[in-house]
């Protein structure tokens, strides 16, 4: 996996704020892929979280997959 690749979260993290199946973008690859900094955003581009994740916590997206949506309460309290 490389910088700017879309990845799928494999497990719930951030105290349940991020769920398995959420899609993020790799910002940084650490130590040849031993860890990844991944950003998760809303559909309008607002950052929800930036997390440092291990390889088992994410996977590459598949060409056969489609995105889905769910509501999330934003840090600033805005949800629109």
PDB file of N, CA and C in Angstrom:
ATOM      1  N   UNK A   1       0.844  -1.172   0.000  1.00  0.00           N
ATOM      2  CA  UNK A   1       0.000   0.000   0.000  1.00  0.00           C
ATOM      3  C   UNK A   1       0.891   1.237   0.000  1.00  0.00           C
ATOM      4  N   UNK A   2       0.437   2.261  -0.693  1.00  0.00           N
ATOM      5  CA  UNK A   2       1.246   3.463  -0.901  1.00  0.00           C
ATOM      6  C   UNK A   2       0.490   4.713  -0.473  1.00  0.00           C
ATOM      7  N   UNK A   3       1.234   5.823  -0.364  1.00  0.00           N
ATOM      8  CA  UNK A   3       0.604   7.098  -0.041  1.00  0.00           C
ATOM      9  C   UNK A   3      -0.502   7.403  -1.046  1.00  0.00           C
ATOM     10  N   UNK A   4      -1.598   7.926  -0.525  1.00  0.00           N
ATOM     11  CA  UNK A   4      -2.790   8.344  -1.269  1.00  0.00           C
ATOM     12  C   UNK A   4      -3.665   7.189  -1.735  1.00  0.00           C
ATOM     13  N   UNK A   5      -3.310   5.959  -1.392  1.00  0.00           N
ATOM     14  CA  UNK A   5      -4.207   4.832  -1.675  1.00  0.00           C
ATOM     15  C   UNK A   5      -5.417   4.901  -0.758  1.00  0.00           C
ATOM     16  N   UNK A   6      -6.570   4.508  -1.278  1.00  0.00           N
ATOM     17  CA  UNK A   6      -7.758   4.330  -0.443  1.00  0.00           C
ATOM     18  C   UNK A   6      -7.660   2.980   0.240  1.00  0.00           C
ATOM     19  N   UNK A   7      -8.018   2.953   1.524  1.00  0.00           N
ATOM     20  CA  UNK A   7      -7.979   1.713   2.291  1.00  0.00           C
ATOM     21  C   UNK A   7      -9.267   1.561   3.086  1.00  0.00           C
ATOM     22  N   UNK A   8      -9.542   0.325   3.473  1.00  0.00           N
ATOM     23  CA  UNK A   8     -10.738   0.002   4.249  1.00  0.00           C
ATOM     24  C   UNK A   8     -10.307  -0.389   5.656  1.00  0.00           C
ATOM     25  N   UNK A   9     -10.928   0.228   6.644  1.00  0.00           N
ATOM     26  CA  UNK A   9     -10.653  -0.099   8.034  1.00  0.00           C
ATOM     27  C   UNK A   9     -11.220  -1.477   8.349  1.00  0.00           C
ATOM     28  N   UNK A  10     -10.445  -2.302   9.026  1.00  0.00           N
ATOM     29  CA  UNK A  10     -10.832  -3.682   9.312  1.00  0.00           C
ATOM     30  C   UNK A  10     -11.446  -3.875  10.694  1.00  0.00           C
ATOM     31  N   UNK A  11     -11.358  -2.867  11.552  1.00  0.00           N
ATOM     32  CA  UNK A  11     -11.865  -3.006  12.920  1.00  0.00           C
ATOM     33  C   UNK A  11     -12.292  -1.646  13.457  1.00  0.00           C
ATOM     34  N   UNK A  12     -13.150  -1.662  14.447  1.00  0.00           N
ATOM     35  CA  UNK A  12     -13.580  -0.433  15.099  1.00  0.00           C
ATOM     36  C   UNK A  12     -12.411   0.157  15.882  1.00  0.00           C
ATOM     37  N   UNK A  13     -12.229   1.481  15.756  1.00  0.00           N
ATOM     38  CA  UNK A  13     -11.172   2.166  16.512  1.00  0.00           C
ATOM     39  C   UNK A  13     -11.678   3.525  16.971  1.00  0.00           C
ATOM     40  N   UNK A  14     -10.814   4.263  17.634  1.00  0.00           N
ATOM     41  CA  UNK A  14     -11.122   5.624  18.088  1.00  0.00           C
ATOM     42  C   UNK A  14     -12.375   5.631  18.953  1.00  0.00           C
ATOM     43  N   UNK A  15     -12.395   4.706  19.914  1.00  0.00           N
ATOM     44  CA  UNK A  15     -13.512   4.593  20.860  1.00  0.00           C
ATOM     45  C   UNK A  15     -14.850   4.441  20.142  1.00  0.00           C
ATOM     46  N   UNK A  16     -14.841   3.707  19.048  1.00  0.00           N
ATOM     47  CA  UNK A  16     -16.065   3.434  18.310  1.00  0.00           C
ATOM     48  C   UNK A  16     -16.448   4.481  17.293  1.00  0.00           C
ATOM     49  N   UNK A  17     -15.690   5.554  17.227  1.00  0.00           N
ATOM     50  CA  UNK A  17     -15.996   6.629  16.269  1.00  0.00           C
ATOM     51  C   UNK A  17     -15.801   6.165  14.829  1.00  0.00           C
ATOM     52  N   UNK A  18     -14.775   5.354  14.603  1.00  0.00           N
ATOM     53  CA  UNK A  18     -14.542   4.781  13.281  1.00  0.00           C
ATOM     54  C   UNK A  18     -14.910   3.310  13.310  1.00  0.00           C
ATOM     55  N   UNK A  19     -15.594   2.865  12.276  1.00  0.00           N
ATOM     56  CA  UNK A  19     -16.116   1.500  12.215  1.00  0.00           C
ATOM     57  C   UNK A  19     -15.430   0.697  11.119  1.00  0.00           C
ATOM     58  N   UNK A  20     -15.428  -0.613  11.295  1.00  0.00           N
ATOM     59  CA  UNK A  20     -14.949  -1.496  10.232  1.00  0.00           C
ATOM     60  C   UNK A  20     -15.736  -1.175   8.965  1.00  0.00           C
ATOM     61  N   UNK A  21     -15.038  -1.047   7.861  1.00  0.00           N
ATOM     62  CA  UNK A  21     -15.680  -0.706   6.596  1.00  0.00           C
ATOM     63  C   UNK A  21     -15.524   0.757   6.210  1.00  0.00           C
ATOM     64  N   UNK A  22     -15.154   1.616   7.170  1.00  0.00           N
ATOM     65  CA  UNK A  22     -14.910   3.019   6.830  1.00  0.00           C
ATOM     66  C   UNK A  22     -13.715   3.101   5.884  1.00  0.00           C
ATOM     67  N   UNK A  23     -13.773   4.055   4.966  1.00  0.00           N
ATOM     68  CA  UNK A  23     -12.733   4.210   3.950  1.00  0.00           C
ATOM     69  C   UNK A  23     -11.881   5.431   4.287  1.00  0.00           C
ATOM     70  N   UNK A  24     -10.569   5.256   4.224  1.00  0.00           N
ATOM     71  CA  UNK A  24      -9.641   6.347   4.484  1.00  0.00           C
ATOM     72  C   UNK A  24      -8.581   6.417   3.405  1.00  0.00           C
ATOM     73  N   UNK A  25      -7.743   7.445   3.500  1.00  0.00           N
ATOM     74  CA  UNK A  25      -6.648   7.654   2.558  1.00  0.00           C
ATOM     75  C   UNK A  25      -5.326   7.599   3.304  1.00  0.00           C
ATOM     76  N   UNK A  26      -4.391   6.821   2.797  1.00  0.00           N
ATOM     77  CA  UNK A  26      -3.060   6.759   3.405  1.00  0.00           C
ATOM     78  C   UNK A  26      -2.343   8.080   3.149  1.00  0.00           C
ATOM     79  N   UNK A  27      -1.892   8.723   4.231  1.00  0.00           N
ATOM     80  CA  UNK A  27      -1.121   9.957   4.120  1.00  0.00           C
ATOM     81  C   UNK A  27       0.374   9.690   4.163  1.00  0.00           C
ATOM     82  N   UNK A  28       0.774   8.750   5.018  1.00  0.00           N
ATOM     83  CA  UNK A  28       2.191   8.447   5.210  1.00  0.00           C
ATOM     84  C   UNK A  28       2.375   6.955   5.403  1.00  0.00           C
ATOM     85  N   UNK A  29       3.419   6.419   4.802  1.00  0.00           N
ATOM     86  CA  UNK A  29       3.811   5.022   5.010  1.00  0.00           C
ATOM     87  C   UNK A  29       5.065   5.043   5.872  1.00  0.00           C
ATOM     88  N   UNK A  30       5.016   4.361   7.012  1.00  0.00           N
ATOM     89  CA  UNK A  30       6.153   4.325   7.931  1.00  0.00           C
ATOM     90  C   UNK A  30       6.921   3.017   7.815  1.00  0.00           C
ATOM     91  N   UNK A  31       8.246   3.110   7.849  1.00  0.00           N
ATOM     92  CA  UNK A  31       9.135   1.938   7.901  1.00  0.00           C
ATOM     93  C   UNK A  31       8.784   0.864   6.875  1.00  0.00           C
ATOM     94  N   UNK A  32       8.609   1.279   5.645  1.00  0.00           N
ATOM     95  CA  UNK A  32       8.356   0.320   4.578  1.00  0.00           C
ATOM     96  C   UNK A  32       7.049  -0.437   4.706  1.00  0.00           C
ATOM     97  N   UNK A  33       6.066   0.132   5.393  1.00  0.00           N
ATOM     98  CA  UNK A  33       4.755  -0.505   5.502  1.00  0.00           C
ATOM     99  C   UNK A  33       4.481  -1.160   6.844  1.00  0.00           C
ATOM    100  N   UNK A  34       5.294  -0.859   7.846  1.00  0.00           N
ATOM    101  CA  UNK A  34       5.041  -1.414   9.186  1.00  0.00           C
ATOM    102  C   UNK A  34       3.935  -0.657   9.908  1.00  0.00           C
ATOM    103  N   UNK A  35       3.636   0.562   9.441  1.00  0.00           N
ATOM    104  CA  UNK A  35       2.535   1.364   9.979  1.00  0.00           C
ATOM    105  C   UNK A  35       2.133   2.390   8.919  1.00  0.00           C
ATOM    106  N   UNK A  36       0.914   2.901   9.059  1.00  0.00           N
ATOM    107  CA  UNK A  36       0.370   3.850   8.091  1.00  0.00           C
ATOM    108  C   UNK A  36      -0.375   4.955   8.829  1.00  0.00           C
ATOM    109  N   UNK A  37      -0.213   6.190   8.367  1.00  0.00           N
ATOM    110  CA  UNK A  37      -1.044   7.280   8.854  1.00  0.00           C
ATOM    111  C   UNK A  37      -2.181   7.419   7.855  1.00  0.00           C
ATOM    112  N   UNK A  38      -3.404   7.289   8.349  1.00  0.00           N
ATOM    113  CA  UNK A  38      -4.579   7.258   7.484  1.00  0.00           C
ATOM    114  C   UNK A  38      -5.553   8.347   7.920  1.00  0.00           C
ATOM    115  N   UNK A  39      -6.062   9.100   6.951  1.00  0.00           N
ATOM    116  CA  UNK A  39      -7.060  10.127   7.235  1.00  0.00           C
ATOM    117  C   UNK A  39      -8.428   9.638   6.789  1.00  0.00           C
ATOM    118  N   UNK A  40      -9.413   9.884   7.635  1.00  0.00           N
ATOM    119  CA  UNK A  40     -10.805   9.574   7.343  1.00  0.00           C
ATOM    120  C   UNK A  40     -11.555  10.894   7.253  1.00  0.00           C
ATOM    121  N   UNK A  41     -12.335  11.065   6.184  1.00  0.00           N
ATOM    122  CA  UNK A  41     -13.039  12.328   5.951  1.00  0.00           C
ATOM    123  C   UNK A  41     -14.510  12.066   5.655  1.00  0.00           C
ATOM    124  N   UNK A  42     -15.315  13.135   5.816  1.00  0.00           N
ATOM    125  CA  UNK A  42     -16.716  13.063   5.407  1.00  0.00           C
ATOM    126  C   UNK A  42     -16.786  13.164   3.884  1.00  0.00           C
ATOM    127  N   UNK A  43     -17.958  12.965   3.335  1.00  0.00           N
ATOM    128  CA  UNK A  43     -18.118  13.067   1.879  1.00  0.00           C
ATOM    129  C   UNK A  43     -17.907  14.485   1.369  1.00  0.00           C
ATOM    130  N   UNK A  44     -17.972  15.480   2.274  1.00  0.00           N
ATOM    131  CA  UNK A  44     -17.703  16.861   1.876  1.00  0.00           C
ATOM    132  C   UNK A  44     -16.255  17.259   2.139  1.00  0.00           C
ATOM    133  N   UNK A  45     -15.434  16.306   2.577  1.00  0.00           N
ATOM    134  CA  UNK A  45     -14.010  16.553   2.734  1.00  0.00           C
ATOM    135  C   UNK A  45     -13.552  17.007   4.102  1.00  0.00           C
ATOM    136  N   UNK A  46     -14.460  17.074   5.081  1.00  0.00           N
ATOM    137  CA  UNK A  46     -14.063  17.475   6.432  1.00  0.00           C
ATOM    138  C   UNK A  46     -13.375  16.309   7.135  1.00  0.00           C
ATOM    139  N   UNK A  47     -12.217  16.576   7.695  1.00  0.00           N
ATOM    140  CA  UNK A  47     -11.457  15.529   8.374  1.00  0.00           C
ATOM    141  C   UNK A  47     -12.190  15.060   9.625  1.00  0.00           C
ATOM    142  N   UNK A  48     -12.340  13.754   9.742  1.00  0.00           N
ATOM    143  CA  UNK A  48     -12.967  13.140  10.910  1.00  0.00           C
ATOM    144  C   UNK A  48     -11.891  12.658  11.874  1.00  0.00           C
ATOM    145  N   UNK A  49     -10.829  12.053  11.336  1.00  0.00           N
ATOM    146  CA  UNK A  49      -9.757  11.518  12.169  1.00  0.00           C
ATOM    147  C   UNK A  49      -8.532  11.240  11.319  1.00  0.00           C
ATOM    148  N   UNK A  50      -7.376  11.349  11.955  1.00  0.00           N
ATOM    149  CA  UNK A  50      -6.116  10.895  11.379  1.00  0.00           C
ATOM    150  C   UNK A  50      -5.539   9.917  12.389  1.00  0.00           C
ATOM    151  N   UNK A  51      -5.357   8.673  11.965  1.00  0.00           N
ATOM    152  CA  UNK A  51      -4.929   7.604  12.868  1.00  0.00           C
ATOM    153  C   UNK A  51      -3.688   6.912  12.321  1.00  0.00           C
ATOM    154  N   UNK A  52      -2.787   6.520  13.215  1.00  0.00           N
ATOM    155  CA  UNK A  52      -1.656   5.682  12.842  1.00  0.00           C
ATOM    156  C   UNK A  52      -2.080   4.237  13.043  1.00  0.00           C
ATOM    157  N   UNK A  53      -2.063   3.464  11.956  1.00  0.00           N
ATOM    158  CA  UNK A  53      -2.614   2.111  11.967  1.00  0.00           C
ATOM    159  C   UNK A  53      -1.580   1.083  11.526  1.00  0.00           C
ATOM    160  N   UNK A  54      -1.757  -0.123  12.018  1.00  0.00           N
ATOM    161  CA  UNK A  54      -0.906  -1.245  11.639  1.00  0.00           C
ATOM    162  C   UNK A  54      -1.494  -1.947  10.417  1.00  0.00           C
ATOM    163  N   UNK A  55      -0.684  -2.685   9.677  1.00  0.00           N
ATOM    164  CA  UNK A  55      -1.169  -3.327   8.450  1.00  0.00           C
ATOM    165  C   UNK A  55      -2.406  -4.207   8.643  1.00  0.00           C
ATOM    166  N   UNK A  56      -2.530  -4.894   9.770  1.00  0.00           N
ATOM    167  CA  UNK A  56      -3.693  -5.765   9.967  1.00  0.00           C
ATOM    168  C   UNK A  56      -4.982  -4.979  10.210  1.00  0.00           C
ATOM    169  N   UNK A  57      -4.874  -3.679  10.449  1.00  0.00           N
ATOM    170  CA  UNK A  57      -6.056  -2.870  10.723  1.00  0.00           C
ATOM    171  C   UNK A  57      -6.696  -2.293   9.464  1.00  0.00           C
ATOM    172  N   UNK A  58      -5.991  -2.366   8.338  1.00  0.00           N
ATOM    173  CA  UNK A  58      -6.512  -1.829   7.080  1.00  0.00           C
ATOM    174  C   UNK A  58      -6.244  -2.812   5.950  1.00  0.00           C
ATOM    175  N   UNK A  59      -6.971  -2.606   4.857  1.00  0.00           N
ATOM    176  CA  UNK A  59      -6.717  -3.387   3.644  1.00  0.00           C
ATOM    177  C   UNK A  59      -6.991  -2.493   2.446  1.00  0.00           C
ATOM    178  N   UNK A  60      -6.455  -2.898   1.314  1.00  0.00           N
ATOM    179  CA  UNK A  60      -6.700  -2.154   0.085  1.00  0.00           C
ATOM    180  C   UNK A  60      -8.163  -2.288  -0.329  1.00  0.00           C
ATOM    181  N   UNK A  61      -8.679  -1.265  -1.016  1.00  0.00           N
ATOM    182  CA  UNK A  61     -10.029  -1.372  -1.561  1.00  0.00           C
ATOM    183  C   UNK A  61     -10.008  -2.345  -2.732  1.00  0.00           C
ATOM    184  N   UNK A  62     -11.150  -2.951  -2.995  1.00  0.00           N
ATOM    185  CA  UNK A  62     -11.283  -3.885  -4.121  1.00  0.00           C
ATOM    186  C   UNK A  62     -12.087  -3.220  -5.233  1.00  0.00           C
ATOM    187  N   UNK A  63     -11.774  -3.560  -6.461  1.00  0.00           N
ATOM    188  CA  UNK A  63     -12.456  -2.942  -7.604  1.00  0.00           C
ATOM    189  C   UNK A  63     -13.936  -3.291  -7.649  1.00  0.00           C
ATOM    190  N   UNK A  64     -14.340  -4.343  -6.960  1.00  0.00           N
ATOM    191  CA  UNK A  64     -15.743  -4.765  -6.963  1.00  0.00           C
ATOM    192  C   UNK A  64     -16.567  -4.097  -5.863  1.00  0.00           C
ATOM    193  N   UNK A  65     -15.942  -3.236  -5.044  1.00  0.00           N
ATOM    194  CA  UNK A  65     -16.641  -2.634  -3.909  1.00  0.00           C
ATOM    195  C   UNK A  65     -17.229  -1.273  -4.265  1.00  0.00           C
ATOM    196  N   UNK A  66     -18.336  -0.930  -3.594  1.00  0.00           N
ATOM    197  CA  UNK A  66     -18.928   0.396  -3.690  1.00  0.00           C
ATOM    198  C   UNK A  66     -18.926   1.016  -2.298  1.00  0.00           C
ATOM    199  N   UNK A  67     -18.898   2.345  -2.247  1.00  0.00           N
ATOM    200  CA  UNK A  67     -18.929   3.033  -0.954  1.00  0.00           C
ATOM    201  C   UNK A  67     -20.355   3.090  -0.430  1.00  0.00           C
ATOM    202  N   UNK A  68     -20.459   3.206   0.867  1.00  0.00           N
ATOM    203  CA  UNK A  68     -21.730   3.366   1.553  1.00  0.00           C
ATOM    204  C   UNK A  68     -21.610   4.601   2.440  1.00  0.00           C
ATOM    205  N   UNK A  69     -22.703   5.051   3.025  1.00  0.00           N
ATOM    206  CA  UNK A  69     -22.637   6.218   3.906  1.00  0.00           C
ATOM    207  C   UNK A  69     -23.266   5.909   5.255  1.00  0.00           C
ATOM    208  N   UNK A  70     -22.802   6.635   6.262  1.00  0.00           N
ATOM    209  CA  UNK A  70     -23.397   6.611   7.592  1.00  0.00           C
ATOM    210  C   UNK A  70     -23.136   7.967   8.217  1.00  0.00           C
ATOM    211  N   UNK A  71     -23.982   8.362   9.153  1.00  0.00           N
ATOM    212  CA  UNK A  71     -23.790   9.628   9.856  1.00  0.00           C
ATOM    213  C   UNK A  71     -22.767   9.459  10.960  1.00  0.00           C
ATOM    214  N   UNK A  72     -22.027  10.522  11.208  1.00  0.00           N
ATOM    215  CA  UNK A  72     -21.071  10.558  12.307  1.00  0.00           C
ATOM    216  C   UNK A  72     -21.138  11.949  12.914  1.00  0.00           C
ATOM    217  N   UNK A  73     -21.120  12.026  14.226  1.00  0.00           N
ATOM    218  CA  UNK A  73     -21.114  13.334  14.871  1.00  0.00           C
ATOM    219  C   UNK A  73     -19.723  13.928  14.733  1.00  0.00           C
ATOM    220  N   UNK A  74     -19.663  15.125  14.181  1.00  0.00           N
ATOM    221  CA  UNK A  74     -18.374  15.774  13.965  1.00  0.00           C
ATOM    222  C   UNK A  74     -17.891  16.423  15.248  1.00  0.00           C
ATOM    223  N   UNK A  75     -16.579  16.582  15.378  1.00  0.00           N
ATOM    224  CA  UNK A  75     -15.971  17.151  16.585  1.00  0.00           C
ATOM    225  C   UNK A  75     -16.538  18.522  16.921  1.00  0.00           C
ATOM    226  N   UNK A  76     -16.807  19.342  15.898  1.00  0.00           N
ATOM    227  CA  UNK A  76     -17.303  20.693  16.151  1.00  0.00           C
ATOM    228  C   UNK A  76     -18.810  20.741  16.361  1.00  0.00           C
ATOM    229  N   UNK A  77     -19.453  19.567  16.346  1.00  0.00           N
ATOM    230  CA  UNK A  77     -20.886  19.504  16.601  1.00  0.00           C
ATOM    231  C   UNK A  77     -21.744  19.702  15.372  1.00  0.00           C
ATOM    232  N   UNK A  78     -21.138  20.017  14.232  1.00  0.00           N
ATOM    233  CA  UNK A  78     -21.895  20.198  12.997  1.00  0.00           C
ATOM    234  C   UNK A  78     -22.041  18.862  12.303  1.00  0.00           C
ATOM    235  N   UNK A  79     -23.219  18.574  11.810  1.00  0.00           N
ATOM    236  CA  UNK A  79     -23.406  17.315  11.088  1.00  0.00           C
ATOM    237  C   UNK A  79     -24.099  17.531   9.762  1.00  0.00           C
ATOM    238  N   UNK A  80     -23.937  18.703   9.197  1.00  0.00           N
ATOM    239  CA  UNK A  80     -24.527  18.963   7.885  1.00  0.00           C
ATOM    240  C   UNK A  80     -23.522  19.553   6.941  1.00  0.00           C
TER     241      UNK A  80
END
